[in-house]
Structures are given as C-alpha cells and as structure tokens.
Amino acid sequence: MCAHGYSGNARDFDELARGLAREARVICPDVAGRGESEWLRSPLEYHFAQFLADINALVARLGVESVDWIGTSMGGLLGLLLAASPGNPIRRLVMNDVGAFLPMDSLRHIGKNLRSPRRFASLEEVEAHMRQTHREWGELTAAQWRHLAIHGARREDDGYRLHYDPQIARLVQPFPFAPGLFFWNAWYKARCPVLLIRGEHSQVFPRSVADTMLEMKPDAKLVEIAGCGHAPALMSPSQIGIVRRFLRGPAEASARMGRECPRPSLPFPSSRPAF
C-alpha cells in the first residue's frame, strides 16, 4: 500500500509500483480530496480520522490479512497511526521523510508549497510550477517531471488546475504558539519493522527527530538520501531498491520490533497529535 503526501496523488508512485509489482500486489489510493477521489463538502472533513476510516474500509475490501505500508509525508503518518492501532494489518512500515514530531516550521514549509495560481494555461505552466514546489524531491528526468504534471493537474475548459481540492491548503496553517505536531505515542505503540527515509536537507524531518525515534526503537532503520529535502521522490532505481530490500527483510525483524521499547527523555514535549 503506497500512500502519498498532503497534496500528492496515487500516480506519484507509478515508478515505485512498477518496481515492486514483480513481487507483490501494489495498491496506491488517492486520499479524499486528491487525484480521482471525491472532494468533501467541508474542509473540516479533511482529517486523519476520516482518512484512516477510508483506509480501513479499503483494506477490508481487499480481503488481505496484512499489508506493507509505504507512505510519503502525510502518507507516512497515516501508516504510523494505523500501525499503532490494535489488531492493525501493517506488516512493515516505510515512512518517507516524516517523523514522530513535526516542528511548526514544517507546516509552514508545506503550506508555502501549496500556494498556487487558480488556473494554468498549459501543462508546461503546470510543470514549471511543480519543478518549483517539488524541487526538493531530488533529481528527476524530464519524463518524470512531465508525468507529475500530467497526473497532478486536471483539465478544465479554460486550462488546467492542480489535482486536489483547494480547501486542503487552508488546513495547513501554523497554530499560534504551538511547537508542532506530536506522534510520539503512536511511534511508541507501533511494533512492526520500520524503515525511515530522510532527505538529507529535509526541514520537515529533522535529523534530531530521527535520532530520537531510533533511540526509542534501535531496530528501526534510517536511510538518508543525498541531495534531497522534503521528500525523496522514490522514483530512481536506487531509491526503489532501498524500499524493495527492506520489504524483503528477514522475518525475525518483526519479533525484535515487537519487544517493549523504553520511553526515553524526549527533546520535544510529549503530547497527543493535534492534526
């Protein structure tokens, strides 16, 4: 199961899915308000509880006992929350450039990249916009940029618009005087093997957060992708290989990750997530 970022869509994973589909069935859903999914009536309906309910319904419909979860940014947090719930189906979890604590600057960073024109006259304009807002994804080929533009936009009579509900941009606003969003309790409860992928220059997933997560779960793995910020595209053969090798990992890793983990003294306040 591949879950995209806040303003992404299922087609962001086309290359990763092709790389994994030789060995597994790959499902890439559009979260509500993105891609081919319906837009919800009110912006207040776009919240994690709704997304998780949709995901649980999808997994039930698939009729599978377990899934390997690969999530970028918001998709990684959804996987973490699902992995922390009782009786969950997550066998292995890949969190791409997101951690158990999101500094408030992270939301500002994400919100800034959501600003866009109401209309684009051509796909070339869409692609130019995405090359700017997705510049931290790393080195992409011309064909990959075109792919993102085609599937990240929807055709309208007078041009193109981005392929997500504009109401979601209003939700990624900094909360006054709040230090950030906390998911430490979910990280503590998750018992499956976890691969953390971090862009070398990521502001959304600071290295200090990654180090604290590893202190809590020494059996988790961390891979840093050079030359990337938020978030590595998972489109290159080397990045796809990192994910594939983790998913092929030995079964005994699950047993180690299932042990009780100590609660260290966190460098960030501990709280329930506010998202």
Protein backbone atom coordinates (compact mmCIF):
# COMPACT_ATOMS: atom_id res chain seq x y z
CA MET A 1 0.00 0.00 0.00
CA CYS A 2 1.51 3.31 -1.11
CA ALA A 3 0.11 6.49 0.46
CA HIS A 4 1.00 9.89 -0.99
CA GLY A 5 1.82 13.22 0.64
CA TYR A 6 -0.54 16.04 1.59
CA SER A 7 -1.04 17.47 -1.90
CA GLY A 8 0.05 14.40 -3.85
CA ASN A 9 -1.90 11.64 -5.55
CA ALA A 10 -1.65 7.93 -6.27
CA ARG A 11 0.22 8.44 -9.55
CA ASP A 12 3.23 9.80 -7.65
CA PHE A 13 4.05 6.13 -7.03
CA ASP A 14 3.83 4.82 -10.59
CA GLU A 15 7.55 4.09 -10.89
CA LEU A 16 7.83 2.61 -7.41
CA ALA A 17 4.76 0.47 -8.05
CA ARG A 18 6.23 -0.88 -11.28
CA GLY A 19 9.42 -1.73 -9.40
CA LEU A 20 7.55 -3.62 -6.68
CA ALA A 21 4.77 -5.19 -8.75
CA ARG A 22 7.02 -8.01 -9.96
CA GLU A 23 6.91 -9.45 -6.44
CA ALA A 24 3.72 -8.10 -4.87
CA ARG A 25 0.30 -6.64 -5.48
CA VAL A 26 0.60 -2.85 -5.15
CA ILE A 27 -2.31 -0.60 -4.18
CA CYS A 28 -1.96 3.19 -4.50
CA PRO A 29 -5.10 5.01 -3.29
CA ASP A 30 -6.00 8.67 -3.74
CA VAL A 31 -6.74 10.11 -0.30
CA ALA A 32 -10.01 12.07 -0.15
CA GLY A 33 -9.74 15.42 -1.91
CA ARG A 34 -6.80 14.38 -4.08
CA GLY A 35 -6.45 12.86 -7.52
CA GLU A 36 -9.50 10.88 -8.62
CA SER A 37 -11.10 10.82 -5.15
CA GLU A 38 -14.14 12.96 -4.44
CA TRP A 39 -13.80 16.37 -2.82
CA LEU A 40 -15.50 16.53 0.56
CA ARG A 41 -18.23 19.03 1.36
CA SER A 42 -16.40 20.92 4.08
CA PRO A 43 -12.69 21.50 4.72
CA LEU A 44 -13.33 20.34 8.29
CA GLU A 45 -13.95 16.84 6.95
CA TYR A 46 -10.32 16.53 5.86
CA HIS A 47 -8.75 14.99 8.95
CA PHE A 48 -6.79 11.89 9.88
CA ALA A 49 -9.74 10.10 11.49
CA GLN A 50 -11.62 10.26 8.17
CA PHE A 51 -8.59 9.16 6.15
CA LEU A 52 -7.94 6.22 8.48
CA ALA A 53 -11.60 5.14 8.28
CA ASP A 54 -11.33 5.18 4.49
CA ILE A 55 -8.09 3.18 4.59
CA ASN A 56 -9.54 0.57 6.95
CA ALA A 57 -12.53 0.19 4.64
CA LEU A 58 -10.20 -0.27 1.66
CA VAL A 59 -8.09 -2.90 3.43
CA ALA A 60 -11.26 -4.75 4.46
CA ARG A 61 -12.48 -4.63 0.85
CA LEU A 62 -9.16 -6.05 -0.36
CA GLY A 63 -9.65 -9.03 1.94
CA VAL A 64 -5.99 -9.23 2.99
CA GLU A 65 -4.62 -10.09 6.43
CA SER A 66 -1.54 -7.87 6.24
CA VAL A 67 -0.02 -5.10 4.15
CA ASP A 68 3.36 -3.47 3.78
CA TRP A 69 2.86 0.30 4.02
CA ILE A 70 4.94 2.89 2.15
CA GLY A 71 3.95 6.44 2.98
CA THR A 72 5.39 9.79 1.93
CA SER A 73 4.96 12.66 4.40
CA MET A 74 1.24 12.59 5.34
CA GLY A 75 1.04 9.05 3.98
CA GLY A 76 3.80 8.02 6.38
CA LEU A 77 1.91 9.47 9.33
CA LEU A 78 -1.24 7.61 8.30
CA GLY A 79 0.76 4.40 8.20
CA LEU A 80 2.24 5.12 11.64
CA LEU A 81 -1.18 5.80 13.17
CA LEU A 82 -2.56 2.64 11.60
CA ALA A 83 0.43 0.60 12.80
CA ALA A 84 -0.16 1.88 16.35
CA SER A 85 -3.80 0.74 16.46
CA PRO A 86 -4.87 -2.60 18.00
CA GLY A 87 -5.16 -5.52 15.59
CA ASN A 88 -3.77 -3.49 12.70
CA PRO A 89 -2.75 -5.11 9.38
CA ILE A 90 0.66 -3.41 8.99
CA ARG A 91 3.48 -5.95 8.49
CA ARG A 92 6.23 -3.47 7.60
CA LEU A 93 6.22 0.33 7.51
CA VAL A 94 8.22 2.76 5.36
CA MET A 95 7.99 6.40 6.47
CA ASN A 96 9.34 8.66 3.73
CA ASP A 97 10.60 11.96 5.15
CA VAL A 98 8.29 12.30 8.12
CA GLY A 99 8.75 11.57 11.79
CA ALA A 100 7.02 11.38 15.16
CA PHE A 101 7.34 15.14 15.64
CA LEU A 102 6.64 17.84 13.05
CA PRO A 103 8.06 21.24 14.01
CA MET A 104 5.75 24.15 13.28
CA ASP A 105 8.21 25.30 10.63
CA SER A 106 7.38 22.05 8.81
CA LEU A 107 3.75 23.07 8.39
CA ARG A 108 4.83 26.50 7.18
CA HIS A 109 7.10 24.79 4.66
CA ILE A 110 4.30 22.52 3.41
CA GLY A 111 1.77 25.35 3.36
CA LYS A 112 4.09 27.58 1.32
CA ASN A 113 4.34 24.92 -1.40
CA LEU A 114 0.54 24.66 -1.57
CA ARG A 115 0.21 28.22 -2.81
CA SER A 116 -0.58 28.15 -6.49
CA PRO A 117 -2.41 30.02 -9.24
CA ARG A 118 -6.11 29.23 -9.64
CA ARG A 119 -5.54 28.37 -13.29
CA PHE A 120 -2.72 27.29 -15.57
CA ALA A 121 -2.95 27.95 -19.31
CA SER A 122 -0.97 24.85 -20.28
CA LEU A 123 0.72 21.71 -18.98
CA GLU A 124 4.01 23.50 -19.47
CA GLU A 125 2.92 26.04 -16.87
CA VAL A 126 1.85 23.24 -14.53
CA GLU A 127 5.22 21.54 -14.96
CA ALA A 128 7.11 24.78 -14.30
CA HIS A 129 5.09 25.24 -11.09
CA MET A 130 5.81 21.68 -9.96
CA ARG A 131 9.50 22.00 -10.70
CA GLN A 132 9.48 24.82 -8.18
CA THR A 133 7.24 23.32 -5.48
CA HIS A 134 8.77 19.81 -5.82
CA ARG A 135 12.37 20.93 -6.24
CA GLU A 136 13.40 19.11 -3.05
CA TRP A 137 12.30 15.72 -4.42
CA GLY A 138 15.76 15.24 -5.92
CA GLU A 139 16.96 14.79 -9.48
CA LEU A 140 14.12 13.78 -11.78
CA THR A 141 14.19 13.15 -15.51
CA ALA A 142 12.26 15.29 -17.98
CA ALA A 143 9.81 12.41 -18.42
CA GLN A 144 9.26 12.17 -14.67
CA TRP A 145 8.54 15.88 -14.37
CA ARG A 146 6.08 15.59 -17.24
CA HIS A 147 4.43 12.61 -15.55
CA LEU A 148 3.94 14.61 -12.35
CA ALA A 149 2.44 17.50 -14.31
CA ILE A 150 0.02 15.30 -16.27
CA HIS A 151 -1.28 13.47 -13.22
CA GLY A 152 -1.02 16.40 -10.83
CA ALA A 153 -3.41 18.55 -12.86
CA ARG A 154 -6.97 18.27 -14.10
CA ARG A 155 -8.21 19.67 -17.41
CA GLU A 156 -10.77 22.43 -17.36
CA ASP A 157 -12.43 24.38 -20.18
CA ASP A 158 -10.07 27.30 -19.84
CA GLY A 159 -6.88 25.41 -18.97
CA TYR A 160 -5.68 23.34 -16.02
CA ARG A 161 -5.88 23.37 -12.25
CA LEU A 162 -3.98 21.31 -9.70
CA HIS A 163 -5.49 17.92 -8.96
CA TYR A 164 -6.57 18.48 -5.37
CA ASP A 165 -9.30 20.34 -3.51
CA PRO A 166 -8.04 23.90 -2.88
CA GLN A 167 -9.71 23.74 0.53
CA ILE A 168 -6.91 21.50 1.83
CA ALA A 169 -4.46 24.40 1.54
CA ARG A 170 -6.35 26.28 4.26
CA LEU A 171 -5.81 23.47 6.75
CA VAL A 172 -2.00 23.54 6.73
CA GLN A 173 -1.71 26.75 8.70
CA PRO A 174 0.56 27.19 11.73
CA PHE A 175 -1.15 27.03 15.11
CA PRO A 176 -0.27 30.12 17.19
CA PHE A 177 2.27 29.41 19.94
CA ALA A 178 2.27 25.64 19.23
CA PRO A 179 5.70 23.95 18.95
CA GLY A 180 4.50 21.38 16.43
CA LEU A 181 2.53 18.17 15.96
CA PHE A 182 3.28 15.16 18.14
CA PHE A 183 3.04 11.49 17.20
CA TRP A 184 5.35 10.03 19.86
CA ASN A 185 2.62 7.91 21.41
CA ALA A 186 1.92 6.27 18.03
CA TRP A 187 5.65 5.69 17.49
CA TYR A 188 5.90 4.04 20.91
CA LYS A 189 2.96 1.74 20.18
CA ALA A 190 3.94 0.67 16.66
CA ARG A 191 5.55 -2.78 16.77
CA CYS A 192 6.25 -3.58 13.13
CA PRO A 193 9.67 -3.20 11.45
CA VAL A 194 10.13 0.38 10.26
CA LEU A 195 12.31 1.99 7.62
CA LEU A 196 12.78 5.75 8.00
CA ILE A 197 13.80 7.55 4.82
CA ARG A 198 15.05 11.10 5.24
CA GLY A 199 16.03 13.70 2.68
CA GLU A 200 19.49 14.99 3.53
CA HIS A 201 18.29 18.61 3.71
CA SER A 202 14.76 17.98 4.98
CA GLN A 203 13.19 20.66 7.18
CA VAL A 204 10.11 18.51 7.73
CA PHE A 205 12.00 15.54 9.20
CA PRO A 206 14.91 16.99 11.19
CA ARG A 207 17.81 14.67 11.99
CA SER A 208 17.24 15.28 15.71
CA VAL A 209 13.75 13.77 15.41
CA ALA A 210 15.11 10.77 13.51
CA ASP A 211 17.78 10.20 16.17
CA THR A 212 15.20 10.25 18.96
CA MET A 213 12.99 7.80 17.08
CA LEU A 214 15.97 5.44 16.72
CA GLU A 215 16.74 5.80 20.42
CA MET A 216 13.23 4.58 21.18
CA LYS A 217 13.39 1.80 18.58
CA PRO A 218 17.01 0.78 17.91
CA ASP A 219 15.86 -1.91 15.44
CA ALA A 220 14.30 0.68 13.14
CA LYS A 221 16.40 1.59 10.11
CA LEU A 222 17.28 5.05 8.84
CA VAL A 223 18.44 5.85 5.32
CA GLU A 224 19.33 9.40 4.25
CA ILE A 225 19.01 10.35 0.59
CA ALA A 226 21.72 12.78 -0.53
CA GLY A 227 20.71 15.90 -2.41
CA CYS A 228 17.05 15.77 -1.35
CA GLY A 229 14.90 17.76 1.01
CA HIS A 230 11.22 17.07 1.53
CA ALA A 231 10.66 14.48 0.21
CA PRO A 232 12.69 11.94 -1.81
CA ALA A 233 10.65 11.04 -4.90
CA LEU A 234 11.21 7.25 -4.63
CA MET A 235 11.46 7.21 -8.43
CA SER A 236 15.11 6.35 -9.01
CA PRO A 237 16.30 2.72 -9.23
CA SER A 238 18.50 3.22 -6.16
CA GLN A 239 15.64 4.55 -4.02
CA ILE A 240 13.26 1.85 -5.24
CA GLY A 241 15.96 -0.69 -4.38
CA ILE A 242 16.16 0.63 -0.80
CA VAL A 243 12.44 0.07 -0.33
CA ARG A 244 12.47 -3.34 -2.03
CA ARG A 245 15.34 -4.65 0.11
CA PHE A 246 13.60 -3.54 3.31
CA LEU A 247 10.34 -5.24 2.33
CA ARG A 248 12.27 -8.44 1.58
CA GLY A 249 13.90 -8.36 5.04
CA PRO A 250 14.07 -11.40 7.34
CA ALA A 251 11.01 -12.30 9.34
CA GLU A 252 12.91 -12.25 12.64
CA ALA A 253 13.00 -8.46 12.45
CA SER A 254 9.31 -8.46 13.34
CA ALA A 255 9.99 -10.33 16.54
CA ARG A 256 12.66 -7.84 17.59
CA MET A 257 10.45 -4.85 16.84
CA GLY A 258 7.64 -6.44 18.86
CA ARG A 259 9.55 -6.14 22.13
CA GLU A 260 8.61 -3.46 24.64
CA CYS A 261 10.54 -0.26 23.95
CA PRO A 262 11.78 2.10 26.67
CA ARG A 263 10.45 5.61 26.85
CA PRO A 264 13.48 7.90 26.75
CA SER A 265 13.51 11.51 27.82
CA LEU A 266 12.31 13.29 24.68
CA PRO A 267 13.89 16.52 23.47
CA PHE A 268 10.38 17.66 22.45
CA PRO A 269 7.24 17.97 24.60
CA SER A 270 5.18 14.78 24.63
CA SER A 271 1.56 15.24 23.62
CA ARG A 272 -1.17 13.76 21.51
CA PRO A 273 -1.15 14.77 17.84
CA ALA A 274 -3.07 17.97 17.15
CA PHE A 275 -3.56 17.20 13.42
